[in-house]
Amino acid sequence: MENLRESLNAVKIERDNLKKKLKNLESLNYFEVNKSRNLEAKVSKLNMLFILPFTVFVVFVVAIFKC
């Protein structure tokens, strides 16, 4: 019986350690997801900053060649 109790206690300790690791990994995952979303938003803004001047340039060039 004593061996079983010791084994059970060891399993409980291991379970508690795994729960802590899981919480840490979930926190890290949440942080990385937010970081990724922020980067995607920045890339989207940069794309808009590139596309708008390019579009204006194309319209300008087309207008010049029509004249």
Protein backbone atom coordinates (compact mmCIF):
# COMPACT_ATOMS: atom_id res chain seq x y z
CA MET A 1 0.00 0.00 0.00
CA GLU A 2 2.83 2.39 0.86
CA ASN A 3 4.41 1.91 -2.58
CA LEU A 4 1.08 2.69 -4.23
CA ARG A 5 0.71 5.87 -2.16
CA GLU A 6 4.21 6.97 -3.08
CA SER A 7 3.53 6.25 -6.72
CA LEU A 8 0.26 8.17 -6.53
CA ASN A 9 2.00 11.14 -4.93
CA ALA A 10 4.69 11.06 -7.61
CA VAL A 11 2.01 11.00 -10.31
CA LYS A 12 0.19 13.93 -8.65
CA ILE A 13 3.41 15.94 -8.50
CA GLU A 14 4.12 15.18 -12.15
CA ARG A 15 0.54 16.15 -13.05
CA ASP A 16 0.90 19.46 -11.22
CA ASN A 17 4.19 20.15 -13.00
CA LEU A 18 2.59 19.37 -16.35
CA LYS A 19 -0.31 21.71 -15.55
CA LYS A 20 2.17 24.51 -14.82
CA LYS A 21 4.01 23.82 -18.06
CA LEU A 22 0.70 23.84 -19.95
CA LYS A 23 -0.26 27.22 -18.48
CA ASN A 24 3.15 28.62 -19.41
CA LEU A 25 2.83 27.31 -22.96
CA GLU A 26 -0.70 28.68 -23.28
CA SER A 27 0.53 32.09 -22.12
CA LEU A 28 3.40 31.98 -24.59
CA ASN A 29 1.03 30.94 -27.37
CA TYR A 30 -1.33 33.83 -26.53
CA PHE A 31 1.60 36.25 -26.61
CA GLU A 32 2.83 34.91 -29.96
CA VAL A 33 -0.66 35.06 -31.48
CA ASN A 34 -1.02 38.69 -30.46
CA LYS A 35 2.45 39.46 -31.77
CA SER A 36 1.54 37.81 -35.08
CA ARG A 37 -1.71 39.79 -35.34
CA ASN A 38 0.14 43.03 -34.70
CA LEU A 39 2.68 42.21 -37.40
CA GLU A 40 -0.09 41.34 -39.85
CA ALA A 41 -1.75 44.69 -39.15
CA LYS A 42 1.55 46.51 -39.76
CA VAL A 43 2.12 44.64 -43.02
CA SER A 44 -1.40 45.50 -44.13
CA LYS A 45 -0.77 49.19 -43.43
CA LEU A 46 2.53 49.04 -45.31
CA ASN A 47 0.79 47.43 -48.26
CA MET A 48 -1.73 50.25 -48.33
CA LEU A 49 1.08 52.81 -48.16
CA PHE A 50 2.68 51.15 -51.18
CA ILE A 51 -0.47 50.55 -53.24
CA LEU A 52 -1.91 54.05 -52.94
CA PRO A 53 1.14 55.94 -54.32
CA PHE A 54 1.61 53.28 -56.99
CA THR A 55 -1.99 53.69 -58.10
CA VAL A 56 -1.61 57.47 -58.23
CA PHE A 57 1.56 57.04 -60.28
CA VAL A 58 -0.14 54.71 -62.76
CA VAL A 59 -3.08 57.10 -63.17
CA PHE A 60 -0.63 59.96 -63.67
CA VAL A 61 1.32 58.05 -66.34
CA VAL A 62 -1.87 57.01 -68.13
CA ALA A 63 -3.09 60.63 -68.07
CA ILE A 64 0.20 61.87 -69.53
CA PHE A 65 0.19 59.35 -72.38
CA LYS A 66 -3.45 60.10 -73.28
CA CYS A 67 -2.60 63.74 -73.87
